[in-house]
Amino acid sequence: MKHSMVTAVICLTASVFLLTADSDARSINDGLGTTSFVWLKTVADAEIASAGETLAARSGPEALLIHPAAVAGIDRGMVKMSYVSHYVDTQYGFLGYAGHVKGRDIGIRLSYVNYGEFIQTSNAGERIGTFNAGDMGVTFNLGRKLRDDLKVGAAVSYMTSSIEDYNAQAAALDLGLLYTPPFQGLTVGAVLKNLGAVTQSYSSGYDDRLPLYLDLGIKKQLEHAPFALFGDVIFPNDADIVYAAGIETAIRDVLFLHAGVRSRSDIDMNAFKAETDFSSVRTFGFTIALDRYRFSYAFMPDDAIEDTHKVTLGYNIF
């Protein structure tokens, strides 16, 4: 029992230390700003987002349609929908279903992004009209419980993107693993996101690529207190390494409160240090679970641009 607690404390302490470490210890990734379909890096589920976007070790209902392995071993179906109010009138979200169908644990998700309306101008700067931009995607998820302590999953996605008259298409594969070691309340996980390619770029002669990343994390449910601790390390192909930590507390298994922090890139930290001593991304939120319904809200304040609000609703199908 003591071993499990020591393991969790060491891992979480390391995550927090890395979160607050001096930015000079990290270098700016050469791939910064070189990927398209950047919305694939976002976490639309409000419950996960409110705890620092700690995803890798999630195996509960909040992880359905987000973590590829979470659907494995599902005992009843769930319909989920999510809505996010993002920066500068951008909105995105998804609608999906996860359940046990004909002997298989599956999920299907429809995703969308609406970037709003833009003003179109001539070469002389005169306004000549408006245009829209947006993305759409469909994902099929298949999971399998290999053992009582091991779940695996894969999700295949097809996506389209449009900006005025320009269009792009892409296909991606997500892989996930969840392992429950023989220590009380401990879960470890891994997610490889967006392994694929842009099959059609916005313009000829230019090769776009997807924002690929590997997310490794742990979850520790405290044995004698209603708290769960999370810690993730994310390795992206287009930015610095990201460190995230989160905490959750449960009140009568009906109300769940979440909070977390997530590190910024070197570029972000240099910009934000001039405005605040706290350079990490802060996240807050709550979840209400009532019988068949599960409602989550996440608040992500931003001192420079706009605050982000995320809402997720789940409905269990018996």
C-alpha atoms as a PDB file:
ATOM      1  CA  MET A   1       0.000   0.000   0.000  1.00  0.00           C
ATOM      2  CA  LYS A   2       2.815   2.364   0.945  1.00  0.00           C
ATOM      3  CA  HIS A   3       4.594   1.495  -2.299  1.00  0.00           C
ATOM      4  CA  SER A   4       1.649   2.714  -4.394  1.00  0.00           C
ATOM      5  CA  MET A   5       1.472   6.015  -2.506  1.00  0.00           C
ATOM      6  CA  VAL A   6       5.224   6.597  -2.829  1.00  0.00           C
ATOM      7  CA  THR A   7       5.090   5.881  -6.572  1.00  0.00           C
ATOM      8  CA  ALA A   8       2.231   8.331  -7.091  1.00  0.00           C
ATOM      9  CA  VAL A   9       3.825  11.061  -4.996  1.00  0.00           C
ATOM     10  CA  ILE A  10       7.158  10.769  -6.821  1.00  0.00           C
ATOM     11  CA  CYS A  11       5.513  10.953 -10.246  1.00  0.00           C
ATOM     12  CA  LEU A  12       3.241  13.854  -9.359  1.00  0.00           C
ATOM     13  CA  THR A  13       6.051  15.748  -7.631  1.00  0.00           C
ATOM     14  CA  ALA A  14       8.153  15.374 -10.767  1.00  0.00           C
ATOM     15  CA  SER A  15       5.276  16.706 -12.885  1.00  0.00           C
ATOM     16  CA  VAL A  16       4.790  19.759 -10.668  1.00  0.00           C
ATOM     17  CA  PHE A  17       8.548  20.419 -10.578  1.00  0.00           C
ATOM     18  CA  LEU A  18       8.741  20.320 -14.355  1.00  0.00           C
ATOM     19  CA  LEU A  19       5.719  22.608 -14.586  1.00  0.00           C
ATOM     20  CA  THR A  20       7.439  25.287 -12.537  1.00  0.00           C
ATOM     21  CA  ALA A  21      10.962  24.800 -13.863  1.00  0.00           C
ATOM     22  CA  ASP A  22      12.747  27.713 -15.509  1.00  0.00           C
ATOM     23  CA  SER A  23      11.842  28.061 -19.179  1.00  0.00           C
ATOM     24  CA  ASP A  24      15.523  28.282 -20.161  1.00  0.00           C
ATOM     25  CA  ALA A  25      15.797  24.573 -19.422  1.00  0.00           C
ATOM     26  CA  ARG A  26      13.615  23.848 -22.447  1.00  0.00           C
ATOM     27  CA  SER A  27      14.130  24.670 -26.099  1.00  0.00           C
ATOM     28  CA  ILE A  28      11.646  25.844 -28.700  1.00  0.00           C
ATOM     29  CA  ASN A  29      10.605  23.015 -31.034  1.00  0.00           C
ATOM     30  CA  ASP A  30      11.731  23.520 -34.627  1.00  0.00           C
ATOM     31  CA  GLY A  31       8.320  22.333 -35.817  1.00  0.00           C
ATOM     32  CA  LEU A  32       6.431  25.155 -34.084  1.00  0.00           C
ATOM     33  CA  GLY A  33       3.635  26.390 -36.339  1.00  0.00           C
ATOM     34  CA  THR A  34       4.295  23.840 -39.097  1.00  0.00           C
ATOM     35  CA  THR A  35       1.179  21.655 -38.769  1.00  0.00           C
ATOM     36  CA  SER A  36      -2.377  21.992 -40.027  1.00  0.00           C
ATOM     37  CA  PHE A  37      -5.648  20.720 -38.529  1.00  0.00           C
ATOM     38  CA  VAL A  38      -4.420  22.217 -35.247  1.00  0.00           C
ATOM     39  CA  TRP A  39      -7.818  21.658 -33.583  1.00  0.00           C
ATOM     40  CA  LEU A  40      -6.771  18.009 -33.254  1.00  0.00           C
ATOM     41  CA  LYS A  41      -4.548  19.103 -30.349  1.00  0.00           C
ATOM     42  CA  THR A  42      -7.507  20.312 -28.301  1.00  0.00           C
ATOM     43  CA  VAL A  43      -9.427  18.336 -25.656  1.00  0.00           C
ATOM     44  CA  ALA A  44     -13.139  18.977 -26.133  1.00  0.00           C
ATOM     45  CA  ASP A  45     -14.361  17.060 -23.056  1.00  0.00           C
ATOM     46  CA  ALA A  46     -14.949  19.573 -20.245  1.00  0.00           C
ATOM     47  CA  GLU A  47     -14.197  17.174 -17.381  1.00  0.00           C
ATOM     48  CA  ILE A  48     -10.752  16.308 -18.727  1.00  0.00           C
ATOM     49  CA  ALA A  49     -10.019  19.899 -19.745  1.00  0.00           C
ATOM     50  CA  SER A  50     -10.828  21.262 -16.280  1.00  0.00           C
ATOM     51  CA  ALA A  51      -8.091  19.143 -14.672  1.00  0.00           C
ATOM     52  CA  GLY A  52      -5.204  20.420 -16.761  1.00  0.00           C
ATOM     53  CA  GLU A  53      -6.248  18.378 -19.824  1.00  0.00           C
ATOM     54  CA  THR A  54      -4.720  15.296 -18.176  1.00  0.00           C
ATOM     55  CA  LEU A  55      -5.848  12.580 -20.571  1.00  0.00           C
ATOM     56  CA  ALA A  56      -3.493   9.602 -20.702  1.00  0.00           C
ATOM     57  CA  ALA A  57      -4.680   7.671 -17.598  1.00  0.00           C
ATOM     58  CA  ARG A  58      -8.412   8.391 -17.996  1.00  0.00           C
ATOM     59  CA  SER A  59     -10.667   5.335 -18.092  1.00  0.00           C
ATOM     60  CA  GLY A  60     -14.045   6.664 -16.884  1.00  0.00           C
ATOM     61  CA  PRO A  61     -17.030   8.123 -18.769  1.00  0.00           C
ATOM     62  CA  GLU A  62     -15.169  11.408 -19.332  1.00  0.00           C
ATOM     63  CA  ALA A  63     -12.650   9.531 -21.484  1.00  0.00           C
ATOM     64  CA  LEU A  64     -15.211   7.920 -23.802  1.00  0.00           C
ATOM     65  CA  LEU A  65     -14.717   9.097 -27.396  1.00  0.00           C
ATOM     66  CA  ILE A  66     -11.520  10.887 -26.279  1.00  0.00           C
ATOM     67  CA  HIS A  67      -9.105   8.153 -25.092  1.00  0.00           C
ATOM     68  CA  PRO A  68      -9.045   5.288 -27.645  1.00  0.00           C
ATOM     69  CA  ALA A  69      -8.849   2.574 -24.934  1.00  0.00           C
ATOM     70  CA  ALA A  70     -11.587   3.953 -22.653  1.00  0.00           C
ATOM     71  CA  VAL A  71     -14.375   2.225 -24.578  1.00  0.00           C
ATOM     72  CA  ALA A  72     -12.884  -1.227 -23.858  1.00  0.00           C
ATOM     73  CA  GLY A  73     -15.030  -3.191 -21.416  1.00  0.00           C
ATOM     74  CA  ILE A  74     -17.880  -0.660 -21.436  1.00  0.00           C
ATOM     75  CA  ASP A  75     -20.968  -2.079 -19.728  1.00  0.00           C
ATOM     76  CA  ARG A  76     -23.611   0.391 -20.945  1.00  0.00           C
ATOM     77  CA  GLY A  77     -23.810   2.814 -23.814  1.00  0.00           C
ATOM     78  CA  MET A  78     -23.425   6.563 -23.562  1.00  0.00           C
ATOM     79  CA  VAL A  79     -24.340   9.417 -25.866  1.00  0.00           C
ATOM     80  CA  LYS A  80     -21.994  12.385 -25.456  1.00  0.00           C
ATOM     81  CA  MET A  81     -21.974  15.892 -26.813  1.00  0.00           C
ATOM     82  CA  SER A  82     -19.556  18.710 -26.192  1.00  0.00           C
ATOM     83  CA  TYR A  83     -19.487  22.418 -27.004  1.00  0.00           C
ATOM     84  CA  VAL A  84     -16.523  24.779 -26.678  1.00  0.00           C
ATOM     85  CA  SER A  85     -16.535  28.568 -26.915  1.00  0.00           C
ATOM     86  CA  HIS A  86     -12.962  29.351 -27.915  1.00  0.00           C
ATOM     87  CA  TYR A  87     -10.912  32.385 -28.946  1.00  0.00           C
ATOM     88  CA  VAL A  88     -12.208  35.056 -31.350  1.00  0.00           C
ATOM     89  CA  ASP A  89     -15.643  33.539 -32.059  1.00  0.00           C
ATOM     90  CA  THR A  90     -14.231  30.095 -32.752  1.00  0.00           C
ATOM     91  CA  GLN A  91     -16.507  27.246 -31.673  1.00  0.00           C
ATOM     92  CA  TYR A  92     -15.970  23.507 -31.769  1.00  0.00           C
ATOM     93  CA  GLY A  93     -17.320  20.306 -30.306  1.00  0.00           C
ATOM     94  CA  PHE A  94     -18.534  16.789 -31.023  1.00  0.00           C
ATOM     95  CA  LEU A  95     -21.497  14.435 -30.872  1.00  0.00           C
ATOM     96  CA  GLY A  96     -20.971  10.717 -30.439  1.00  0.00           C
ATOM     97  CA  TYR A  97     -21.952   7.352 -29.039  1.00  0.00           C
ATOM     98  CA  ALA A  98     -19.923   4.692 -27.224  1.00  0.00           C
ATOM     99  CA  GLY A  99     -21.227   1.250 -26.330  1.00  0.00           C
ATOM    100  CA  HIS A 100     -21.169  -2.517 -26.696  1.00  0.00           C
ATOM    101  CA  VAL A 101     -22.524  -3.514 -30.120  1.00  0.00           C
ATOM    102  CA  LYS A 102     -22.646  -7.092 -31.439  1.00  0.00           C
ATOM    103  CA  GLY A 103     -19.909  -8.287 -29.128  1.00  0.00           C
ATOM    104  CA  ARG A 104     -17.588  -5.346 -29.757  1.00  0.00           C
ATOM    105  CA  ASP A 105     -16.790  -2.216 -27.772  1.00  0.00           C
ATOM    106  CA  ILE A 106     -17.090   0.652 -30.226  1.00  0.00           C
ATOM    107  CA  GLY A 107     -17.509   4.389 -30.454  1.00  0.00           C
ATOM    108  CA  ILE A 108     -18.370   6.828 -33.214  1.00  0.00           C
ATOM    109  CA  ARG A 109     -17.870  10.591 -33.057  1.00  0.00           C
ATOM    110  CA  LEU A 110     -18.724  13.520 -35.328  1.00  0.00           C
ATOM    111  CA  SER A 111     -16.551  16.595 -34.725  1.00  0.00           C
ATOM    112  CA  TYR A 112     -16.818  20.149 -36.016  1.00  0.00           C
ATOM    113  CA  VAL A 113     -14.985  23.469 -35.852  1.00  0.00           C
ATOM    114  CA  ASN A 114     -16.513  26.814 -36.828  1.00  0.00           C
ATOM    115  CA  TYR A 115     -13.983  29.641 -37.152  1.00  0.00           C
ATOM    116  CA  GLY A 116     -16.672  32.216 -37.866  1.00  0.00           C
ATOM    117  CA  GLU A 117     -16.973  34.813 -40.603  1.00  0.00           C
ATOM    118  CA  PHE A 118     -14.007  36.691 -42.038  1.00  0.00           C
ATOM    119  CA  ILE A 119     -13.809  39.906 -44.029  1.00  0.00           C
ATOM    120  CA  GLN A 120     -12.495  39.554 -47.577  1.00  0.00           C
ATOM    121  CA  THR A 121     -10.488  42.473 -48.976  1.00  0.00           C
ATOM    122  CA  SER A 122      -8.941  43.398 -52.293  1.00  0.00           C
ATOM    123  CA  ASN A 123      -5.221  43.997 -52.864  1.00  0.00           C
ATOM    124  CA  ALA A 124      -5.913  47.663 -52.139  1.00  0.00           C
ATOM    125  CA  GLY A 125      -7.417  46.818 -48.758  1.00  0.00           C
ATOM    126  CA  GLU A 126     -11.023  47.474 -49.778  1.00  0.00           C
ATOM    127  CA  ARG A 127     -13.730  45.258 -48.336  1.00  0.00           C
ATOM    128  CA  ILE A 128     -15.259  43.116 -51.089  1.00  0.00           C
ATOM    129  CA  GLY A 129     -17.170  40.530 -49.092  1.00  0.00           C
ATOM    130  CA  THR A 130     -16.947  37.857 -46.431  1.00  0.00           C
ATOM    131  CA  PHE A 131     -16.039  34.183 -46.253  1.00  0.00           C
ATOM    132  CA  ASN A 132     -16.221  31.336 -43.733  1.00  0.00           C
ATOM    133  CA  ALA A 133     -13.847  28.682 -42.480  1.00  0.00           C
ATOM    134  CA  GLY A 134     -14.464  25.407 -40.696  1.00  0.00           C
ATOM    135  CA  ASP A 135     -13.456  21.788 -40.190  1.00  0.00           C
ATOM    136  CA  MET A 136     -15.358  18.527 -39.841  1.00  0.00           C
ATOM    137  CA  GLY A 137     -14.352  14.997 -38.894  1.00  0.00           C
ATOM    138  CA  VAL A 138     -15.752  11.527 -38.311  1.00  0.00           C
ATOM    139  CA  THR A 139     -14.054   9.006 -36.003  1.00  0.00           C
ATOM    140  CA  PHE A 140     -14.609   5.281 -35.477  1.00  0.00           C
ATOM    141  CA  ASN A 141     -13.234   3.842 -32.226  1.00  0.00           C
ATOM    142  CA  LEU A 142     -12.675   0.174 -31.381  1.00  0.00           C
ATOM    143  CA  GLY A 143     -11.485  -1.019 -27.958  1.00  0.00           C
ATOM    144  CA  ARG A 144     -10.667  -4.348 -26.370  1.00  0.00           C
ATOM    145  CA  LYS A 145     -10.075  -5.510 -22.819  1.00  0.00           C
ATOM    146  CA  LEU A 146      -7.146  -7.912 -23.069  1.00  0.00           C
ATOM    147  CA  ARG A 147      -7.043  -8.659 -19.329  1.00  0.00           C
ATOM    148  CA  ASP A 148      -8.731  -7.334 -16.226  1.00  0.00           C
ATOM    149  CA  ASP A 149      -5.838  -4.894 -15.818  1.00  0.00           C
ATOM    150  CA  LEU A 150      -5.143  -4.011 -19.463  1.00  0.00           C
ATOM    151  CA  LYS A 151      -7.213  -2.157 -22.076  1.00  0.00           C
ATOM    152  CA  VAL A 152      -6.200  -1.168 -25.604  1.00  0.00           C
ATOM    153  CA  GLY A 153      -7.949   0.790 -28.309  1.00  0.00           C
ATOM    154  CA  ALA A 154      -7.636   2.396 -31.728  1.00  0.00           C
ATOM    155  CA  ALA A 155      -9.556   5.204 -33.418  1.00  0.00           C
ATOM    156  CA  VAL A 156      -9.553   6.017 -37.141  1.00  0.00           C
ATOM    157  CA  SER A 157     -10.553   9.501 -38.303  1.00  0.00           C
ATOM    158  CA  TYR A 158     -11.278  11.192 -41.600  1.00  0.00           C
ATOM    159  CA  MET A 159     -11.300  15.002 -41.631  1.00  0.00           C
ATOM    160  CA  THR A 160     -11.965  17.878 -43.992  1.00  0.00           C
ATOM    161  CA  SER A 161     -11.050  21.555 -43.679  1.00  0.00           C
ATOM    162  CA  SER A 162     -12.136  24.574 -45.700  1.00  0.00           C
ATOM    163  CA  ILE A 163     -11.013  28.216 -45.803  1.00  0.00           C
ATOM    164  CA  GLU A 164     -12.925  30.229 -48.414  1.00  0.00           C
ATOM    165  CA  ASP A 165     -12.396  28.220 -51.649  1.00  0.00           C
ATOM    166  CA  TYR A 166      -9.444  26.248 -50.308  1.00  0.00           C
ATOM    167  CA  ASN A 167      -9.932  22.706 -49.021  1.00  0.00           C
ATOM    168  CA  ALA A 168      -7.843  20.065 -47.286  1.00  0.00           C
ATOM    169  CA  GLN A 169      -8.433  16.448 -46.260  1.00  0.00           C
ATOM    170  CA  ALA A 170      -6.661  14.181 -43.806  1.00  0.00           C
ATOM    171  CA  ALA A 171      -6.783  10.709 -42.255  1.00  0.00           C
ATOM    172  CA  ALA A 172      -5.423   9.812 -38.821  1.00  0.00           C
ATOM    173  CA  LEU A 173      -5.040   6.925 -36.391  1.00  0.00           C
ATOM    174  CA  ASP A 174      -5.092   7.237 -32.581  1.00  0.00           C
ATOM    175  CA  LEU A 175      -3.779   4.452 -30.333  1.00  0.00           C
ATOM    176  CA  GLY A 176      -4.395   4.100 -26.610  1.00  0.00           C
ATOM    177  CA  LEU A 177      -3.439   1.889 -23.668  1.00  0.00           C
ATOM    178  CA  LEU A 178      -4.655   1.763 -20.051  1.00  0.00           C
ATOM    179  CA  TYR A 179      -2.964  -0.398 -17.442  1.00  0.00           C
ATOM    180  CA  THR A 180      -3.936  -0.899 -13.811  1.00  0.00           C
ATOM    181  CA  PRO A 181      -0.849  -2.167 -11.945  1.00  0.00           C
ATOM    182  CA  PRO A 182      -1.198  -4.153  -8.699  1.00  0.00           C
ATOM    183  CA  PHE A 183      -1.112  -1.011  -6.549  1.00  0.00           C
ATOM    184  CA  GLN A 184      -4.205   0.385  -4.879  1.00  0.00           C
ATOM    185  CA  GLY A 185      -5.862   3.164  -6.900  1.00  0.00           C
ATOM    186  CA  LEU A 186      -3.115   3.538  -9.508  1.00  0.00           C
ATOM    187  CA  THR A 187      -3.668   3.727 -13.287  1.00  0.00           C
ATOM    188  CA  VAL A 188      -1.087   4.420 -15.980  1.00  0.00           C
ATOM    189  CA  GLY A 189      -1.839   5.158 -19.599  1.00  0.00           C
ATOM    190  CA  ALA A 190      -0.546   6.243 -22.978  1.00  0.00           C
ATOM    191  CA  VAL A 191      -2.132   7.841 -26.023  1.00  0.00           C
ATOM    192  CA  LEU A 192      -0.581   8.352 -29.465  1.00  0.00           C
ATOM    193  CA  LYS A 193      -2.671  10.948 -31.307  1.00  0.00           C
ATOM    194  CA  ASN A 194      -2.954  11.913 -34.976  1.00  0.00           C
ATOM    195  CA  LEU A 195      -0.701   9.336 -36.600  1.00  0.00           C
ATOM    196  CA  GLY A 196      -1.538   9.899 -40.245  1.00  0.00           C
ATOM    197  CA  ALA A 197      -1.233  12.280 -43.146  1.00  0.00           C
ATOM    198  CA  VAL A 198      -2.845  15.187 -44.949  1.00  0.00           C
ATOM    199  CA  THR A 199      -4.098  13.531 -48.122  1.00  0.00           C
ATOM    200  CA  GLN A 200      -5.027  16.811 -49.818  1.00  0.00           C
ATOM    201  CA  SER A 201      -3.381  20.130 -48.946  1.00  0.00           C
ATOM    202  CA  TYR A 202      -4.937  23.579 -49.171  1.00  0.00           C
ATOM    203  CA  SER A 203      -2.692  24.375 -52.142  1.00  0.00           C
ATOM    204  CA  SER A 204      -0.639  22.318 -54.573  1.00  0.00           C
ATOM    205  CA  GLY A 205       3.084  22.052 -54.014  1.00  0.00           C
ATOM    206  CA  TYR A 206       2.810  22.384 -50.226  1.00  0.00           C
ATOM    207  CA  ASP A 207       2.973  19.380 -47.901  1.00  0.00           C
ATOM    208  CA  ASP A 208       0.932  19.800 -44.720  1.00  0.00           C
ATOM    209  CA  ARG A 209       1.361  17.492 -41.749  1.00  0.00           C
ATOM    210  CA  LEU A 210      -0.754  16.590 -38.743  1.00  0.00           C
ATOM    211  CA  PRO A 211      -0.027  17.607 -35.118  1.00  0.00           C
ATOM    212  CA  LEU A 212       1.261  14.247 -33.871  1.00  0.00           C
ATOM    213  CA  TYR A 213       1.863  13.798 -30.137  1.00  0.00           C
ATOM    214  CA  LEU A 214       2.458  11.136 -27.495  1.00  0.00           C
ATOM    215  CA  ASP A 215       0.791  11.557 -24.093  1.00  0.00           C
ATOM    216  CA  LEU A 216       2.016   9.539 -21.080  1.00  0.00           C
ATOM    217  CA  GLY A 217       0.316   9.826 -17.702  1.00  0.00           C
ATOM    218  CA  ILE A 218      -0.737   8.447 -14.342  1.00  0.00           C
ATOM    219  CA  LYS A 219      -3.763   8.662 -12.074  1.00  0.00           C
ATOM    220  CA  LYS A 220      -3.723   8.022  -8.322  1.00  0.00           C
ATOM    221  CA  GLN A 221      -6.986   7.639  -6.428  1.00  0.00           C
ATOM    222  CA  LEU A 222      -6.216   8.289  -2.760  1.00  0.00           C
ATOM    223  CA  GLU A 223      -7.274   5.439  -0.522  1.00  0.00           C
ATOM    224  CA  HIS A 224      -8.608   7.312   2.503  1.00  0.00           C
ATOM    225  CA  ALA A 225      -9.650  10.631   0.957  1.00  0.00           C
ATOM    226  CA  PRO A 226     -12.046  11.613  -1.871  1.00  0.00           C
ATOM    227  CA  PHE A 227      -9.251  12.909  -4.102  1.00  0.00           C
ATOM    228  CA  ALA A 228      -7.722  11.741  -7.380  1.00  0.00           C
ATOM    229  CA  LEU A 229      -4.383  13.098  -8.645  1.00  0.00           C
ATOM    230  CA  PHE A 230      -3.300  13.216 -12.296  1.00  0.00           C
ATOM    231  CA  GLY A 231       0.012  13.853 -14.030  1.00  0.00           C
ATOM    232  CA  ASP A 232       0.802  13.874 -17.777  1.00  0.00           C
ATOM    233  CA  VAL A 233       3.803  14.512 -20.021  1.00  0.00           C
ATOM    234  CA  ILE A 234       3.053  15.278 -23.690  1.00  0.00           C
ATOM    235  CA  PHE A 235       5.584  15.046 -26.516  1.00  0.00           C
ATOM    236  CA  PRO A 236       4.324  16.954 -29.622  1.00  0.00           C
ATOM    237  CA  ASN A 237       5.945  17.207 -33.034  1.00  0.00           C
ATOM    238  CA  ASP A 238       5.219  20.931 -33.360  1.00  0.00           C
ATOM    239  CA  ALA A 239       5.854  22.466 -29.941  1.00  0.00           C
ATOM    240  CA  ASP A 240       7.773  22.133 -26.679  1.00  0.00           C
ATOM    241  CA  ILE A 241       7.184  19.246 -24.289  1.00  0.00           C
ATOM    242  CA  VAL A 242       4.057  19.908 -22.222  1.00  0.00           C
ATOM    243  CA  TYR A 243       3.633  19.019 -18.535  1.00  0.00           C
ATOM    244  CA  ALA A 244       0.211  18.836 -16.921  1.00  0.00           C
ATOM    245  CA  ALA A 245      -1.131  18.110 -13.442  1.00  0.00           C
ATOM    246  CA  GLY A 246      -4.676  17.917 -12.127  1.00  0.00           C
ATOM    247  CA  ILE A 247      -6.714  17.149  -9.040  1.00  0.00           C
ATOM    248  CA  GLU A 248     -10.294  15.970  -8.564  1.00  0.00           C
ATOM    249  CA  THR A 249     -12.430  15.692  -5.453  1.00  0.00           C
ATOM    250  CA  ALA A 250     -15.767  13.910  -5.172  1.00  0.00           C
ATOM    251  CA  ILE A 251     -18.700  14.890  -2.972  1.00  0.00           C
ATOM    252  CA  ARG A 252     -21.063  11.923  -2.460  1.00  0.00           C
ATOM    253  CA  ASP A 253     -20.164  10.695  -5.963  1.00  0.00           C
ATOM    254  CA  VAL A 254     -22.567  13.308  -7.326  1.00  0.00           C
ATOM    255  CA  LEU A 255     -20.531  16.509  -7.465  1.00  0.00           C
ATOM    256  CA  PHE A 256     -16.935  16.444  -8.705  1.00  0.00           C
ATOM    257  CA  LEU A 257     -14.645  19.472  -8.543  1.00  0.00           C
ATOM    258  CA  HIS A 258     -11.597  19.750 -10.811  1.00  0.00           C
ATOM    259  CA  ALA A 259      -8.555  21.986 -11.091  1.00  0.00           C
ATOM    260  CA  GLY A 260      -5.256  21.781 -12.916  1.00  0.00           C
ATOM    261  CA  VAL A 261      -2.283  23.463 -14.531  1.00  0.00           C
ATOM    262  CA  ARG A 262      -0.601  22.993 -17.870  1.00  0.00           C
ATOM    263  CA  SER A 263       2.782  24.326 -18.952  1.00  0.00           C
ATOM    264  CA  ARG A 264       3.199  26.877 -21.714  1.00  0.00           C
ATOM    265  CA  SER A 265       5.740  26.830 -24.514  1.00  0.00           C
ATOM    266  CA  ASP A 266       8.896  28.918 -24.256  1.00  0.00           C
ATOM    267  CA  ILE A 267       7.371  31.524 -26.582  1.00  0.00           C
ATOM    268  CA  ASP A 268       4.233  31.785 -24.444  1.00  0.00           C
ATOM    269  CA  MET A 269       6.206  31.963 -21.203  1.00  0.00           C
ATOM    270  CA  ASN A 270       8.386  34.805 -22.460  1.00  0.00           C
ATOM    271  CA  ALA A 271       5.241  36.755 -23.385  1.00  0.00           C
ATOM    272  CA  PHE A 272       3.280  36.051 -20.216  1.00  0.00           C
ATOM    273  CA  LYS A 273       6.113  36.691 -17.745  1.00  0.00           C
ATOM    274  CA  ALA A 274       5.776  40.382 -18.476  1.00  0.00           C
ATOM    275  CA  GLU A 275       2.142  40.307 -17.319  1.00  0.00           C
ATOM    276  CA  THR A 276       2.024  37.764 -14.512  1.00  0.00           C
ATOM    277  CA  ASP A 277       4.281  35.694 -12.294  1.00  0.00           C
ATOM    278  CA  PHE A 278       2.089  32.635 -12.911  1.00  0.00           C
ATOM    279  CA  SER A 279       3.065  31.369 -16.334  1.00  0.00           C
ATOM    280  CA  SER A 280       1.130  28.074 -16.544  1.00  0.00           C
ATOM    281  CA  VAL A 281      -2.320  27.577 -18.036  1.00  0.00           C
ATOM    282  CA  ARG A 282      -4.876  27.305 -15.232  1.00  0.00           C
ATOM    283  CA  THR A 283      -8.028  25.181 -15.526  1.00  0.00           C
ATOM    284  CA  PHE A 284     -11.089  24.808 -13.300  1.00  0.00           C
ATOM    285  CA  GLY A 285     -14.441  23.072 -13.498  1.00  0.00           C
ATOM    286  CA  PHE A 286     -17.044  20.734 -12.082  1.00  0.00           C
ATOM    287  CA  THR A 287     -19.105  17.664 -12.981  1.00  0.00           C
ATOM    288  CA  ILE A 288     -22.592  16.708 -11.818  1.00  0.00           C
ATOM    289  CA  ALA A 289     -23.523  13.012 -12.141  1.00  0.00           C
ATOM    290  CA  LEU A 290     -27.229  12.212 -11.696  1.00  0.00           C
ATOM    291  CA  ASP A 291     -28.466   8.722 -12.584  1.00  0.00           C
ATOM    292  CA  ARG A 292     -28.275   8.636 -16.377  1.00  0.00           C
ATOM    293  CA  TYR A 293     -26.988  12.194 -16.851  1.00  0.00           C
ATOM    294  CA  ARG A 294     -23.490  13.613 -16.559  1.00  0.00           C
ATOM    295  CA  PHE A 295     -22.896  17.344 -16.974  1.00  0.00           C
ATOM    296  CA  SER A 296     -19.428  18.938 -16.973  1.00  0.00           C
ATOM    297  CA  TYR A 297     -18.204  22.511 -17.266  1.00  0.00           C
ATOM    298  CA  ALA A 298     -14.630  23.771 -17.673  1.00  0.00           C
ATOM    299  CA  PHE A 299     -13.296  27.321 -17.359  1.00  0.00           C
ATOM    300  CA  MET A 300      -9.872  28.205 -18.761  1.00  0.00           C
ATOM    301  CA  PRO A 301      -8.999  31.872 -18.100  1.00  0.00           C
ATOM    302  CA  ASP A 302      -6.664  33.672 -20.489  1.00  0.00           C
ATOM    303  CA  ASP A 303      -5.185  37.053 -19.588  1.00  0.00           C
ATOM    304  CA  ALA A 304      -4.069  37.871 -23.128  1.00  0.00           C
ATOM    305  CA  ILE A 305      -6.846  36.790 -25.507  1.00  0.00           C
ATOM    306  CA  GLU A 306     -10.198  35.435 -24.287  1.00  0.00           C
ATOM    307  CA  ASP A 307     -11.407  32.980 -21.669  1.00  0.00           C
ATOM    308  CA  THR A 308     -12.408  29.521 -22.895  1.00  0.00           C
ATOM    309  CA  HIS A 309     -15.593  27.752 -21.767  1.00  0.00           C
ATOM    310  CA  LYS A 310     -16.271  24.051 -22.344  1.00  0.00           C
ATOM    311  CA  VAL A 311     -19.502  22.125 -21.709  1.00  0.00           C
ATOM    312  CA  THR A 312     -20.057  18.374 -22.023  1.00  0.00           C
ATOM    313  CA  LEU A 313     -23.280  16.410 -21.565  1.00  0.00           C
ATOM    314  CA  GLY A 314     -23.453  12.619 -21.317  1.00  0.00           C
ATOM    315  CA  TYR A 315     -26.521  10.381 -21.254  1.00  0.00           C
ATOM    316  CA  ASN A 316     -26.295   6.705 -20.244  1.00  0.00           C
ATOM    317  CA  ILE A 317     -28.316   4.208 -22.238  1.00  0.00           C
ATOM    318  CA  PHE A 318     -29.204   1.127 -20.202  1.00  0.00           C
END
